[in-house]
């Protein structure tokens, strides 16, 4: 069996520098999900390619991020069984999102069934699945969630 994927998150300003609006970008084995999906789309000759940005908790109601990334909340951050993992570079999650199913077991969390909802004919079946060890995953999501908790 392959080694579990290590999850972390980048927190950075929405438009680079000088803004107080922060985005959350998942990082898998030290590679940002934005870079991974852009590379995948380029290899598949999709058009357009990329255009993804991080999630913006101040713009969209994901609920508590630790619950969101554990697929324990039912809120606006879902489209059926899918969860938004990336939004558009403009900051609007509905503009150009990347979604996936998040499945939790006793020992792992899996991200699979990736989709670009605005391009339903695209085949993302070769992207993922990404399997995370549950304890390391919890540490990563608790860390990012602590940065966005409401007072």
C-alpha atoms as a PDB file:
ATOM      1  CA  UNK A   1       0.000   0.000   0.000  1.00  0.00           C
ATOM      2  CA  UNK A   2       1.179   3.517  -0.764  1.00  0.00           C
ATOM      3  CA  UNK A   3       2.222   5.834   2.035  1.00  0.00           C
ATOM      4  CA  UNK A   4      -0.496   8.172   3.255  1.00  0.00           C
ATOM      5  CA  UNK A   5      -0.523  11.667   1.836  1.00  0.00           C
ATOM      6  CA  UNK A   6       0.602  14.414   4.229  1.00  0.00           C
ATOM      7  CA  UNK A   7      -1.862  17.297   4.433  1.00  0.00           C
ATOM      8  CA  UNK A   8      -1.089  20.884   5.307  1.00  0.00           C
ATOM      9  CA  UNK A   9      -2.589  24.223   4.313  1.00  0.00           C
ATOM     10  CA  UNK A  10      -1.230  27.472   2.928  1.00  0.00           C
ATOM     11  CA  UNK A  11      -2.921  30.587   4.206  1.00  0.00           C
ATOM     12  CA  UNK A  12      -2.247  33.562   2.001  1.00  0.00           C
ATOM     13  CA  UNK A  13      -3.821  36.855   0.919  1.00  0.00           C
ATOM     14  CA  UNK A  14      -6.438  36.628  -1.803  1.00  0.00           C
ATOM     15  CA  UNK A  15      -4.735  38.818  -4.371  1.00  0.00           C
ATOM     16  CA  UNK A  16      -1.120  38.364  -3.388  1.00  0.00           C
ATOM     17  CA  UNK A  17      -0.052  41.201  -1.130  1.00  0.00           C
ATOM     18  CA  UNK A  18      -1.773  43.992   0.709  1.00  0.00           C
ATOM     19  CA  UNK A  19      -5.159  42.478   1.444  1.00  0.00           C
ATOM     20  CA  UNK A  20      -6.666  41.292   4.689  1.00  0.00           C
ATOM     21  CA  UNK A  21      -8.825  38.670   2.940  1.00  0.00           C
ATOM     22  CA  UNK A  22      -7.178  35.290   3.401  1.00  0.00           C
ATOM     23  CA  UNK A  23      -7.451  32.107   1.359  1.00  0.00           C
ATOM     24  CA  UNK A  24      -6.880  28.488   2.350  1.00  0.00           C
ATOM     25  CA  UNK A  25      -5.107  26.215  -0.127  1.00  0.00           C
ATOM     26  CA  UNK A  26      -4.671  22.511   0.661  1.00  0.00           C
ATOM     27  CA  UNK A  27      -1.100  21.252   0.276  1.00  0.00           C
ATOM     28  CA  UNK A  28      -0.530  17.539  -0.349  1.00  0.00           C
ATOM     29  CA  UNK A  29       2.983  16.194   0.196  1.00  0.00           C
ATOM     30  CA  UNK A  30       4.372  19.750  -0.038  1.00  0.00           C
ATOM     31  CA  UNK A  31       2.613  20.519  -3.368  1.00  0.00           C
ATOM     32  CA  UNK A  32      -0.352  22.895  -3.472  1.00  0.00           C
ATOM     33  CA  UNK A  33      -3.621  21.455  -4.733  1.00  0.00           C
ATOM     34  CA  UNK A  34      -3.845  24.426  -7.120  1.00  0.00           C
ATOM     35  CA  UNK A  35      -0.548  23.394  -8.747  1.00  0.00           C
ATOM     36  CA  UNK A  36      -1.517  19.708  -8.804  1.00  0.00           C
ATOM     37  CA  UNK A  37      -4.859  20.258 -10.516  1.00  0.00           C
ATOM     38  CA  UNK A  38      -3.425  22.758 -13.001  1.00  0.00           C
ATOM     39  CA  UNK A  39      -0.737  20.237 -13.982  1.00  0.00           C
ATOM     40  CA  UNK A  40      -3.360  17.471 -14.312  1.00  0.00           C
ATOM     41  CA  UNK A  41      -5.621  19.619 -16.494  1.00  0.00           C
ATOM     42  CA  UNK A  42      -2.701  20.646 -18.711  1.00  0.00           C
ATOM     43  CA  UNK A  43      -1.696  16.983 -19.164  1.00  0.00           C
ATOM     44  CA  UNK A  44      -5.299  16.155 -20.149  1.00  0.00           C
ATOM     45  CA  UNK A  45      -5.397  19.092 -22.617  1.00  0.00           C
ATOM     46  CA  UNK A  46      -8.394  20.638 -20.880  1.00  0.00           C
ATOM     47  CA  UNK A  47      -9.300  24.209 -21.820  1.00  0.00           C
ATOM     48  CA  UNK A  48      -9.279  26.400 -19.858  1.00  0.00           C
ATOM     49  CA  UNK A  49      -6.566  25.129 -17.542  1.00  0.00           C
ATOM     50  CA  UNK A  50      -6.276  26.115 -13.888  1.00  0.00           C
ATOM     51  CA  UNK A  51      -7.744  29.340 -12.615  1.00  0.00           C
ATOM     52  CA  UNK A  52      -8.221  27.892  -9.141  1.00  0.00           C
ATOM     53  CA  UNK A  53      -7.587  29.680  -5.886  1.00  0.00           C
ATOM     54  CA  UNK A  54      -7.990  28.932  -2.233  1.00  0.00           C
ATOM     55  CA  UNK A  55     -11.187  28.880  -0.236  1.00  0.00           C
ATOM     56  CA  UNK A  56     -12.119  32.205   1.366  1.00  0.00           C
ATOM     57  CA  UNK A  57     -13.850  31.596   4.718  1.00  0.00           C
ATOM     58  CA  UNK A  58     -14.797  35.267   5.089  1.00  0.00           C
ATOM     59  CA  UNK A  59     -16.749  35.140   1.785  1.00  0.00           C
ATOM     60  CA  UNK A  60     -18.541  31.820   2.196  1.00  0.00           C
ATOM     61  CA  UNK A  61     -20.169  29.974   5.092  1.00  0.00           C
ATOM     62  CA  UNK A  62     -18.281  26.710   5.386  1.00  0.00           C
ATOM     63  CA  UNK A  63     -19.089  26.414   9.060  1.00  0.00           C
ATOM     64  CA  UNK A  64     -16.336  25.312  11.442  1.00  0.00           C
ATOM     65  CA  UNK A  65     -13.487  24.299   9.133  1.00  0.00           C
ATOM     66  CA  UNK A  66     -12.509  21.286  11.216  1.00  0.00           C
ATOM     67  CA  UNK A  67     -16.028  19.878  10.772  1.00  0.00           C
ATOM     68  CA  UNK A  68     -16.126  20.913   7.110  1.00  0.00           C
ATOM     69  CA  UNK A  69     -12.936  19.051   6.176  1.00  0.00           C
ATOM     70  CA  UNK A  70     -14.053  15.995   8.185  1.00  0.00           C
ATOM     71  CA  UNK A  71     -17.337  15.991   6.208  1.00  0.00           C
ATOM     72  CA  UNK A  72     -19.190  16.332   9.510  1.00  0.00           C
ATOM     73  CA  UNK A  73     -21.148  19.464   8.678  1.00  0.00           C
ATOM     74  CA  UNK A  74     -24.039  19.954   6.340  1.00  0.00           C
ATOM     75  CA  UNK A  75     -23.857  23.532   5.193  1.00  0.00           C
ATOM     76  CA  UNK A  76     -23.462  25.737   2.170  1.00  0.00           C
ATOM     77  CA  UNK A  77     -19.971  24.352   1.533  1.00  0.00           C
ATOM     78  CA  UNK A  78     -21.385  21.295  -0.165  1.00  0.00           C
ATOM     79  CA  UNK A  79     -22.844  20.376  -3.492  1.00  0.00           C
ATOM     80  CA  UNK A  80     -24.573  17.079  -2.763  1.00  0.00           C
ATOM     81  CA  UNK A  81     -21.921  14.696  -1.421  1.00  0.00           C
ATOM     82  CA  UNK A  82     -19.128  16.899  -2.727  1.00  0.00           C
ATOM     83  CA  UNK A  83     -17.170  19.516  -0.820  1.00  0.00           C
ATOM     84  CA  UNK A  84     -15.430  22.531  -2.266  1.00  0.00           C
ATOM     85  CA  UNK A  85     -11.654  22.118  -1.971  1.00  0.00           C
ATOM     86  CA  UNK A  86     -10.716  25.062  -4.193  1.00  0.00           C
ATOM     87  CA  UNK A  87     -12.505  28.127  -5.455  1.00  0.00           C
ATOM     88  CA  UNK A  88     -11.717  30.597  -8.203  1.00  0.00           C
ATOM     89  CA  UNK A  89      -8.700  32.896  -8.180  1.00  0.00           C
ATOM     90  CA  UNK A  90     -11.209  35.758  -7.863  1.00  0.00           C
ATOM     91  CA  UNK A  91     -12.224  34.479  -4.416  1.00  0.00           C
ATOM     92  CA  UNK A  92     -15.729  33.309  -5.353  1.00  0.00           C
ATOM     93  CA  UNK A  93     -16.128  29.586  -4.715  1.00  0.00           C
ATOM     94  CA  UNK A  94     -19.038  29.228  -7.141  1.00  0.00           C
ATOM     95  CA  UNK A  95     -17.198  30.901 -10.015  1.00  0.00           C
ATOM     96  CA  UNK A  96     -14.665  28.137 -10.759  1.00  0.00           C
ATOM     97  CA  UNK A  97     -14.570  25.463  -8.027  1.00  0.00           C
ATOM     98  CA  UNK A  98     -12.910  22.103  -7.648  1.00  0.00           C
ATOM     99  CA  UNK A  99     -15.011  19.672  -5.630  1.00  0.00           C
ATOM    100  CA  UNK A 100     -14.398  16.206  -4.233  1.00  0.00           C
ATOM    101  CA  UNK A 101     -16.013  13.664  -2.007  1.00  0.00           C
ATOM    102  CA  UNK A 102     -14.525  13.420   1.494  1.00  0.00           C
ATOM    103  CA  UNK A 103     -14.900   9.994   3.118  1.00  0.00           C
ATOM    104  CA  UNK A 104     -13.838   9.344   6.695  1.00  0.00           C
ATOM    105  CA  UNK A 105     -13.084   5.897   8.130  1.00  0.00           C
ATOM    106  CA  UNK A 106     -11.673   4.892  11.516  1.00  0.00           C
ATOM    107  CA  UNK A 107      -8.091   5.167  10.243  1.00  0.00           C
ATOM    108  CA  UNK A 108      -8.136   7.420   7.195  1.00  0.00           C
ATOM    109  CA  UNK A 109      -9.738  10.233   5.243  1.00  0.00           C
ATOM    110  CA  UNK A 110     -10.054   9.940   1.470  1.00  0.00           C
ATOM    111  CA  UNK A 111     -10.537  12.666  -1.128  1.00  0.00           C
ATOM    112  CA  UNK A 112     -11.884  11.246  -4.380  1.00  0.00           C
ATOM    113  CA  UNK A 113     -14.439  11.796  -7.157  1.00  0.00           C
ATOM    114  CA  UNK A 114     -12.993  15.175  -8.119  1.00  0.00           C
ATOM    115  CA  UNK A 115     -15.126  17.419 -10.320  1.00  0.00           C
ATOM    116  CA  UNK A 116     -15.180  20.794 -11.995  1.00  0.00           C
ATOM    117  CA  UNK A 117     -18.957  21.461 -11.808  1.00  0.00           C
ATOM    118  CA  UNK A 118     -18.884  23.930 -14.706  1.00  0.00           C
ATOM    119  CA  UNK A 119     -17.301  21.300 -16.981  1.00  0.00           C
ATOM    120  CA  UNK A 120     -19.309  18.106 -16.266  1.00  0.00           C
ATOM    121  CA  UNK A 121     -17.866  16.310 -19.306  1.00  0.00           C
ATOM    122  CA  UNK A 122     -14.320  16.450 -17.931  1.00  0.00           C
ATOM    123  CA  UNK A 123     -12.957  13.172 -16.573  1.00  0.00           C
ATOM    124  CA  UNK A 124     -11.041  13.556 -13.309  1.00  0.00           C
ATOM    125  CA  UNK A 125     -11.061   9.833 -12.452  1.00  0.00           C
ATOM    126  CA  UNK A 126      -7.243   9.704 -12.782  1.00  0.00           C
ATOM    127  CA  UNK A 127      -6.830  12.525 -10.242  1.00  0.00           C
ATOM    128  CA  UNK A 128      -6.555  10.948  -6.817  1.00  0.00           C
ATOM    129  CA  UNK A 129      -7.768   9.355  -4.724  1.00  0.00           C
ATOM    130  CA  UNK A 130      -5.739  10.953  -1.960  1.00  0.00           C
ATOM    131  CA  UNK A 131      -5.633   8.951   1.262  1.00  0.00           C
ATOM    132  CA  UNK A 132      -4.663  10.654   4.517  1.00  0.00           C
ATOM    133  CA  UNK A 133      -3.869   9.063   7.877  1.00  0.00           C
ATOM    134  CA  UNK A 134      -6.664  10.321  10.138  1.00  0.00           C
ATOM    135  CA  UNK A 135      -4.519  11.599  13.037  1.00  0.00           C
ATOM    136  CA  UNK A 136      -2.191  13.662  10.831  1.00  0.00           C
ATOM    137  CA  UNK A 137      -5.218  14.912   8.892  1.00  0.00           C
ATOM    138  CA  UNK A 138      -6.961  16.020  12.105  1.00  0.00           C
ATOM    139  CA  UNK A 139      -3.868  17.907  13.232  1.00  0.00           C
ATOM    140  CA  UNK A 140      -3.686  19.755   9.895  1.00  0.00           C
ATOM    141  CA  UNK A 141      -7.366  20.715   9.796  1.00  0.00           C
ATOM    142  CA  UNK A 142      -7.440  21.712  13.467  1.00  0.00           C
ATOM    143  CA  UNK A 143      -4.452  23.964  12.840  1.00  0.00           C
ATOM    144  CA  UNK A 144      -6.065  25.744   9.888  1.00  0.00           C
ATOM    145  CA  UNK A 145      -9.444  25.895  11.655  1.00  0.00           C
ATOM    146  CA  UNK A 146      -7.860  27.609  14.661  1.00  0.00           C
ATOM    147  CA  UNK A 147      -6.786  30.470  12.388  1.00  0.00           C
ATOM    148  CA  UNK A 148     -10.404  31.138  11.335  1.00  0.00           C
ATOM    149  CA  UNK A 149     -12.450  30.573  14.484  1.00  0.00           C
ATOM    150  CA  UNK A 150     -14.955  33.274  15.256  1.00  0.00           C
ATOM    151  CA  UNK A 151     -14.451  34.973  18.640  1.00  0.00           C
END
